[in-house]
Amino acid sequence: MTKPSTSADRMRRARERKRAGSNIVSFEVGHDAAAALERLGWISEGSCSDQKAISAGIVTLCEQALSQGLRPGVTGHDDDLDEDYELIDFDP
């Protein structure tokens, strides 16, 4: 069984993240967005309710998009999604 972290442990980790320039961001991911991540291969099949899988999928998606210089655009549209996006072919 894992020992619960103390407030001192959490503060130490927060300070380490701040020094490293990292942040923790919390936001709601709706079912449609999770389903799109699954359909597009960013998370494995059946992972739509797995918070760690969704988080890892979003981080990987963001890292890939940023490494490719992806910007919001209107060059492509997926009929199952509400937003326009720029099409870039990369291997997740």
Foldseek 3Di string as FASTA:
>chain_A
DDDDDDPVRVVVVVVVCVVVVHDDDDDDDDLLNLVVLCVVVLADPPCSPPPVRVVSSVVVVVVVCVVVVWDQDQPADDPSDDGHGDDDDDDD
